[in-house]
Amino acid sequence: MSKVNPRGKPRDEEKLSDKDKADLKGDYRDTYIIEQSADDKGVGAQMEKNAQLIRDYNWMKNEIDRLQGIIWGGSAPIRSWGVAQYGIESVMPKVSRGKSYAELEALDIREKNQLDRLEKYERHVYALEKALDVLKDERQKIIYDCLLDEMTYRHIALHLARSKYYVRNQRNDIIGQISQSSQINAILTGEKQVV
């Protein structure tokens, strides 16, 4: 068990003054404790990967729109996948939004790489949006939503009337819950789940 500051650098308690040592004992000071055992190293790597995905959420959505425009000729909202249509819309002929199997086979290497990247980003964005269902606490859902909107700890703290250290601790808890969710991990890795 080691004490680290928010930037991840270990603190040497022998070099701290008595006042600084007293500050370290406070609830929400600039330090927090990270416990790392042999089992936690794999979980720690998964947590860091999920934290990076949360930071990358907005640019991945922008890249999905760009790639869909290149590959399919337009974008389709992720939420509309598999949505049934009713009434006259259901019987009207539709233009195929996708490419046929022959067209997919004829794609060059660059287009195939773009298609693979598009599928990976769509999977990651879907997992991040689905992760909201994993969270139990309403404040954590709000913090997670604000993190996806790229709000800073300070802005989230002002919004919730809490400290930025509270927000950071809740963020760590959120990332831990997401990392432990087998459903989210299966979506991120592209594994099929049996219901």
C-alpha atoms as a PDB file:
ATOM      1  CA  MET A   1       0.000   0.000   0.000  1.00  0.00           C
ATOM      2  CA  SER A   2       1.536   3.294  -1.070  1.00  0.00           C
ATOM      3  CA  LYS A   3       0.416   6.884  -0.944  1.00  0.00           C
ATOM      4  CA  VAL A   4       0.438   8.791  -4.192  1.00  0.00           C
ATOM      5  CA  ASN A   5      -0.559  12.250  -5.202  1.00  0.00           C
ATOM      6  CA  PRO A   6      -3.131  12.842  -7.976  1.00  0.00           C
ATOM      7  CA  ARG A   7      -0.437  12.788 -10.636  1.00  0.00           C
ATOM      8  CA  GLY A   8       0.549   9.254  -9.602  1.00  0.00           C
ATOM      9  CA  LYS A   9       3.945  10.129  -8.111  1.00  0.00           C
ATOM     10  CA  PRO A  10       4.797   8.421  -4.800  1.00  0.00           C
ATOM     11  CA  ARG A  11       5.152  10.678  -1.786  1.00  0.00           C
ATOM     12  CA  ASP A  12       8.014  10.280   0.600  1.00  0.00           C
ATOM     13  CA  GLU A  13       6.472  10.885   4.021  1.00  0.00           C
ATOM     14  CA  GLU A  14       9.878  11.474   5.640  1.00  0.00           C
ATOM     15  CA  LYS A  15      10.332  14.659   3.579  1.00  0.00           C
ATOM     16  CA  LEU A  16       6.952  16.119   4.597  1.00  0.00           C
ATOM     17  CA  SER A  17       6.573  18.713   7.331  1.00  0.00           C
ATOM     18  CA  ASP A  18       4.340  18.037  10.342  1.00  0.00           C
ATOM     19  CA  LYS A  19       1.641  20.304   8.838  1.00  0.00           C
ATOM     20  CA  ASP A  20       1.715  18.349   5.561  1.00  0.00           C
ATOM     21  CA  LYS A  21       1.519  15.051   7.431  1.00  0.00           C
ATOM     22  CA  ALA A  22      -1.553  16.355   9.272  1.00  0.00           C
ATOM     23  CA  ASP A  23      -3.105  17.338   5.924  1.00  0.00           C
ATOM     24  CA  LEU A  24      -2.577  13.796   4.634  1.00  0.00           C
ATOM     25  CA  LYS A  25      -4.833  12.470   7.381  1.00  0.00           C
ATOM     26  CA  GLY A  26      -7.793  14.571   6.126  1.00  0.00           C
ATOM     27  CA  ASP A  27     -10.696  12.989   4.242  1.00  0.00           C
ATOM     28  CA  TYR A  28     -10.480  14.794   0.916  1.00  0.00           C
ATOM     29  CA  ARG A  29      -6.968  16.147   0.651  1.00  0.00           C
ATOM     30  CA  ASP A  30      -4.798  15.850  -2.429  1.00  0.00           C
ATOM     31  CA  THR A  31      -3.826  12.239  -1.742  1.00  0.00           C
ATOM     32  CA  TYR A  32      -5.609   8.973  -1.923  1.00  0.00           C
ATOM     33  CA  ILE A  33      -4.552   5.418  -1.270  1.00  0.00           C
ATOM     34  CA  ILE A  34      -4.049   2.847  -3.960  1.00  0.00           C
ATOM     35  CA  GLU A  35      -3.775  -0.778  -2.967  1.00  0.00           C
ATOM     36  CA  GLN A  36      -2.160  -3.052  -5.491  1.00  0.00           C
ATOM     37  CA  SER A  37      -1.757  -6.769  -5.039  1.00  0.00           C
ATOM     38  CA  ALA A  38      -0.859  -9.399  -7.620  1.00  0.00           C
ATOM     39  CA  ASP A  39      -4.564  -9.926  -8.422  1.00  0.00           C
ATOM     40  CA  ASP A  40      -5.215  -6.205  -8.836  1.00  0.00           C
ATOM     41  CA  LYS A  41      -2.628  -5.661 -11.585  1.00  0.00           C
ATOM     42  CA  GLY A  42      -4.921  -7.135 -14.260  1.00  0.00           C
ATOM     43  CA  VAL A  43      -7.898  -5.235 -12.884  1.00  0.00           C
ATOM     44  CA  GLY A  44      -5.774  -2.071 -12.701  1.00  0.00           C
ATOM     45  CA  ALA A  45      -4.878  -2.382 -16.370  1.00  0.00           C
ATOM     46  CA  GLN A  46      -8.545  -2.892 -17.260  1.00  0.00           C
ATOM     47  CA  MET A  47      -9.517   0.113 -15.135  1.00  0.00           C
ATOM     48  CA  GLU A  48      -6.926   2.294 -16.883  1.00  0.00           C
ATOM     49  CA  LYS A  49      -8.166   1.077 -20.275  1.00  0.00           C
ATOM     50  CA  ASN A  50     -11.764   1.928 -19.321  1.00  0.00           C
ATOM     51  CA  ALA A  51     -10.693   5.343 -17.999  1.00  0.00           C
ATOM     52  CA  GLN A  52      -9.007   6.024 -21.348  1.00  0.00           C
ATOM     53  CA  LEU A  53     -12.149   4.913 -23.214  1.00  0.00           C
ATOM     54  CA  ILE A  54     -14.226   7.377 -21.182  1.00  0.00           C
ATOM     55  CA  ARG A  55     -11.792  10.171 -22.076  1.00  0.00           C
ATOM     56  CA  ASP A  56     -11.911   9.132 -25.764  1.00  0.00           C
ATOM     57  CA  TYR A  57     -15.706   8.828 -25.965  1.00  0.00           C
ATOM     58  CA  ASN A  58     -16.405  12.100 -27.822  1.00  0.00           C
ATOM     59  CA  TRP A  59     -13.725  11.770 -30.474  1.00  0.00           C
ATOM     60  CA  MET A  60     -14.755   8.136 -31.074  1.00  0.00           C
ATOM     61  CA  LYS A  61     -18.327   9.314 -31.746  1.00  0.00           C
ATOM     62  CA  ASN A  62     -16.993  11.916 -34.185  1.00  0.00           C
ATOM     63  CA  GLU A  63     -14.807   9.310 -35.885  1.00  0.00           C
ATOM     64  CA  ILE A  64     -17.789   6.936 -36.169  1.00  0.00           C
ATOM     65  CA  ASP A  65     -19.749   9.641 -38.004  1.00  0.00           C
ATOM     66  CA  ARG A  66     -16.820  10.310 -40.330  1.00  0.00           C
ATOM     67  CA  LEU A  67     -16.195   6.621 -41.089  1.00  0.00           C
ATOM     68  CA  GLN A  68     -19.896   5.923 -41.636  1.00  0.00           C
ATOM     69  CA  GLY A  69     -19.943   8.756 -44.143  1.00  0.00           C
ATOM     70  CA  ILE A  70     -16.976   7.270 -45.997  1.00  0.00           C
ATOM     71  CA  ILE A  71     -18.063   3.629 -45.921  1.00  0.00           C
ATOM     72  CA  TRP A  72     -21.864   3.760 -46.013  1.00  0.00           C
ATOM     73  CA  GLY A  73     -22.438   7.187 -47.519  1.00  0.00           C
ATOM     74  CA  GLY A  74     -24.088   8.579 -44.355  1.00  0.00           C
ATOM     75  CA  SER A  75     -24.428   8.006 -40.649  1.00  0.00           C
ATOM     76  CA  ALA A  76     -26.908   5.826 -38.808  1.00  0.00           C
ATOM     77  CA  PRO A  77     -27.591   6.439 -35.122  1.00  0.00           C
ATOM     78  CA  ILE A  78     -26.443   3.553 -32.939  1.00  0.00           C
ATOM     79  CA  ARG A  79     -29.737   3.554 -31.039  1.00  0.00           C
ATOM     80  CA  SER A  80     -31.709   2.761 -34.194  1.00  0.00           C
ATOM     81  CA  TRP A  81     -30.091  -0.622 -34.754  1.00  0.00           C
ATOM     82  CA  GLY A  82     -32.816  -3.228 -35.089  1.00  0.00           C
ATOM     83  CA  VAL A  83     -35.694  -0.839 -34.376  1.00  0.00           C
ATOM     84  CA  ALA A  84     -38.940  -2.006 -35.970  1.00  0.00           C
ATOM     85  CA  GLN A  85     -41.035   0.360 -38.068  1.00  0.00           C
ATOM     86  CA  TYR A  86     -44.814   0.473 -38.021  1.00  0.00           C
ATOM     87  CA  GLY A  87     -47.549   1.634 -40.341  1.00  0.00           C
ATOM     88  CA  ILE A  88     -46.902   2.726 -43.894  1.00  0.00           C
ATOM     89  CA  GLU A  89     -43.146   3.075 -43.246  1.00  0.00           C
ATOM     90  CA  SER A  90     -42.845  -0.660 -42.656  1.00  0.00           C
ATOM     91  CA  VAL A  91     -44.131  -1.624 -46.114  1.00  0.00           C
ATOM     92  CA  MET A  92     -42.444   1.058 -48.212  1.00  0.00           C
ATOM     93  CA  PRO A  93     -39.351   0.002 -50.186  1.00  0.00           C
ATOM     94  CA  LYS A  94     -36.069   1.151 -48.676  1.00  0.00           C
ATOM     95  CA  VAL A  95     -32.635   1.823 -50.053  1.00  0.00           C
ATOM     96  CA  SER A  96     -30.049  -0.526 -48.590  1.00  0.00           C
ATOM     97  CA  ARG A  97     -27.765   1.422 -46.248  1.00  0.00           C
ATOM     98  CA  GLY A  98     -25.098  -1.256 -46.269  1.00  0.00           C
ATOM     99  CA  LYS A  99     -22.900  -2.750 -48.898  1.00  0.00           C
ATOM    100  CA  SER A 100     -23.492  -6.146 -50.414  1.00  0.00           C
ATOM    101  CA  TYR A 101     -21.177  -9.077 -49.705  1.00  0.00           C
ATOM    102  CA  ALA A 102     -19.577  -8.679 -53.145  1.00  0.00           C
ATOM    103  CA  GLU A 103     -18.923  -4.991 -52.475  1.00  0.00           C
ATOM    104  CA  LEU A 104     -17.396  -5.798 -49.077  1.00  0.00           C
ATOM    105  CA  GLU A 105     -15.091  -8.368 -50.680  1.00  0.00           C
ATOM    106  CA  ALA A 106     -13.989  -5.803 -53.258  1.00  0.00           C
ATOM    107  CA  LEU A 107     -12.919  -3.258 -50.623  1.00  0.00           C
ATOM    108  CA  ASP A 108      -9.256  -2.376 -50.693  1.00  0.00           C
ATOM    109  CA  ILE A 109      -7.013  -2.716 -47.648  1.00  0.00           C
ATOM    110  CA  ARG A 110      -7.579   0.865 -46.476  1.00  0.00           C
ATOM    111  CA  GLU A 111     -11.359   0.517 -46.637  1.00  0.00           C
ATOM    112  CA  LYS A 112     -11.228  -2.825 -44.796  1.00  0.00           C
ATOM    113  CA  ASN A 113      -9.139  -1.212 -42.067  1.00  0.00           C
ATOM    114  CA  GLN A 114     -11.643   1.640 -41.867  1.00  0.00           C
ATOM    115  CA  LEU A 115     -14.499  -0.854 -41.594  1.00  0.00           C
ATOM    116  CA  ASP A 116     -12.695  -2.743 -38.811  1.00  0.00           C
ATOM    117  CA  ARG A 117     -11.982   0.510 -36.991  1.00  0.00           C
ATOM    118  CA  LEU A 118     -15.613   1.588 -37.389  1.00  0.00           C
ATOM    119  CA  GLU A 119     -16.874  -1.680 -35.871  1.00  0.00           C
ATOM    120  CA  LYS A 120     -14.400  -1.397 -32.972  1.00  0.00           C
ATOM    121  CA  TYR A 121     -15.386   2.221 -32.206  1.00  0.00           C
ATOM    122  CA  GLU A 122     -19.096   1.409 -32.452  1.00  0.00           C
ATOM    123  CA  ARG A 123     -18.587  -1.457 -30.000  1.00  0.00           C
ATOM    124  CA  HIS A 124     -16.675   0.802 -27.567  1.00  0.00           C
ATOM    125  CA  VAL A 125     -19.231   3.624 -27.748  1.00  0.00           C
ATOM    126  CA  TYR A 126     -22.105   1.165 -27.282  1.00  0.00           C
ATOM    127  CA  ALA A 127     -20.349  -0.348 -24.238  1.00  0.00           C
ATOM    128  CA  LEU A 128     -19.776   3.093 -22.707  1.00  0.00           C
ATOM    129  CA  GLU A 129     -23.414   4.047 -23.206  1.00  0.00           C
ATOM    130  CA  LYS A 130     -24.586   0.674 -21.857  1.00  0.00           C
ATOM    131  CA  ALA A 131     -22.336   1.107 -18.788  1.00  0.00           C
ATOM    132  CA  LEU A 132     -24.786   3.650 -17.384  1.00  0.00           C
ATOM    133  CA  ASP A 133     -27.073   0.687 -16.555  1.00  0.00           C
ATOM    134  CA  VAL A 134     -24.321  -0.879 -14.417  1.00  0.00           C
ATOM    135  CA  LEU A 135     -24.137   2.065 -12.010  1.00  0.00           C
ATOM    136  CA  LYS A 136     -26.394   1.916  -8.973  1.00  0.00           C
ATOM    137  CA  ASP A 137     -26.110   5.369  -7.409  1.00  0.00           C
ATOM    138  CA  GLU A 138     -27.902   8.266  -9.102  1.00  0.00           C
ATOM    139  CA  ARG A 139     -25.051  10.694  -8.376  1.00  0.00           C
ATOM    140  CA  GLN A 140     -22.614   8.286  -9.999  1.00  0.00           C
ATOM    141  CA  LYS A 141     -24.807   8.208 -13.091  1.00  0.00           C
ATOM    142  CA  ILE A 142     -24.730  12.004 -13.229  1.00  0.00           C
ATOM    143  CA  ILE A 143     -20.950  12.090 -12.753  1.00  0.00           C
ATOM    144  CA  TYR A 144     -20.469   9.425 -15.432  1.00  0.00           C
ATOM    145  CA  ASP A 145     -22.684  11.315 -17.857  1.00  0.00           C
ATOM    146  CA  CYS A 146     -20.734  14.517 -17.186  1.00  0.00           C
ATOM    147  CA  LEU A 147     -17.435  12.675 -17.708  1.00  0.00           C
ATOM    148  CA  LEU A 148     -18.664  11.455 -21.092  1.00  0.00           C
ATOM    149  CA  ASP A 149     -19.482  15.094 -21.917  1.00  0.00           C
ATOM    150  CA  GLU A 150     -15.834  15.945 -21.106  1.00  0.00           C
ATOM    151  CA  MET A 151     -16.657  18.110 -18.100  1.00  0.00           C
ATOM    152  CA  THR A 152     -13.792  18.734 -15.680  1.00  0.00           C
ATOM    153  CA  TYR A 153     -13.837  17.592 -12.061  1.00  0.00           C
ATOM    154  CA  ARG A 154     -14.291  21.212 -11.010  1.00  0.00           C
ATOM    155  CA  HIS A 155     -17.342  21.743 -13.231  1.00  0.00           C
ATOM    156  CA  ILE A 156     -18.912  18.467 -12.124  1.00  0.00           C
ATOM    157  CA  ALA A 157     -18.242  19.391  -8.480  1.00  0.00           C
ATOM    158  CA  LEU A 158     -19.910  22.770  -8.954  1.00  0.00           C
ATOM    159  CA  HIS A 159     -22.860  21.095 -10.632  1.00  0.00           C
ATOM    160  CA  LEU A 160     -23.313  18.640  -7.738  1.00  0.00           C
ATOM    161  CA  ALA A 161     -22.265  21.074  -4.983  1.00  0.00           C
ATOM    162  CA  ARG A 162     -19.506  18.678  -3.892  1.00  0.00           C
ATOM    163  CA  SER A 163     -15.720  18.826  -3.828  1.00  0.00           C
ATOM    164  CA  LYS A 164     -13.605  17.851  -6.816  1.00  0.00           C
ATOM    165  CA  TYR A 165     -11.993  15.185  -4.625  1.00  0.00           C
ATOM    166  CA  TYR A 166     -15.423  13.646  -4.072  1.00  0.00           C
ATOM    167  CA  VAL A 167     -15.920  13.625  -7.849  1.00  0.00           C
ATOM    168  CA  ARG A 168     -12.520  11.990  -8.400  1.00  0.00           C
ATOM    169  CA  ASN A 169     -13.252   9.292  -5.791  1.00  0.00           C
ATOM    170  CA  GLN A 170     -16.656   8.622  -7.358  1.00  0.00           C
ATOM    171  CA  ARG A 171     -15.020   8.461 -10.815  1.00  0.00           C
ATOM    172  CA  ASN A 172     -12.585   5.824  -9.529  1.00  0.00           C
ATOM    173  CA  ASP A 173     -15.518   3.867  -8.087  1.00  0.00           C
ATOM    174  CA  ILE A 174     -17.430   4.188 -11.370  1.00  0.00           C
ATOM    175  CA  ILE A 175     -14.472   2.896 -13.376  1.00  0.00           C
ATOM    176  CA  GLY A 176     -14.118   0.025 -10.902  1.00  0.00           C
ATOM    177  CA  GLN A 177     -17.780  -0.944 -11.316  1.00  0.00           C
ATOM    178  CA  ILE A 178     -17.514  -0.792 -15.111  1.00  0.00           C
ATOM    179  CA  SER A 179     -14.304  -2.837 -15.090  1.00  0.00           C
ATOM    180  CA  GLN A 180     -15.944  -5.538 -12.972  1.00  0.00           C
ATOM    181  CA  SER A 181     -19.022  -5.805 -15.180  1.00  0.00           C
ATOM    182  CA  SER A 182     -18.843  -8.971 -17.271  1.00  0.00           C
ATOM    183  CA  GLN A 183     -21.523  -7.600 -19.606  1.00  0.00           C
ATOM    184  CA  ILE A 184     -19.481  -4.474 -20.447  1.00  0.00           C
ATOM    185  CA  ASN A 185     -16.243  -6.455 -20.770  1.00  0.00           C
ATOM    186  CA  ALA A 186     -17.948  -8.872 -23.174  1.00  0.00           C
ATOM    187  CA  ILE A 187     -19.163  -5.975 -25.334  1.00  0.00           C
ATOM    188  CA  LEU A 188     -15.705  -4.360 -25.324  1.00  0.00           C
ATOM    189  CA  THR A 189     -13.972  -7.567 -26.355  1.00  0.00           C
ATOM    190  CA  GLY A 190     -16.601  -8.434 -28.932  1.00  0.00           C
ATOM    191  CA  GLU A 191     -17.569 -11.711 -27.265  1.00  0.00           C
ATOM    192  CA  LYS A 192     -21.044 -13.120 -27.720  1.00  0.00           C
ATOM    193  CA  GLN A 193     -23.035 -13.577 -24.520  1.00  0.00           C
ATOM    194  CA  VAL A 194     -25.510 -16.342 -23.844  1.00  0.00           C
ATOM    195  CA  VAL A 195     -28.659 -14.980 -22.238  1.00  0.00           C
END
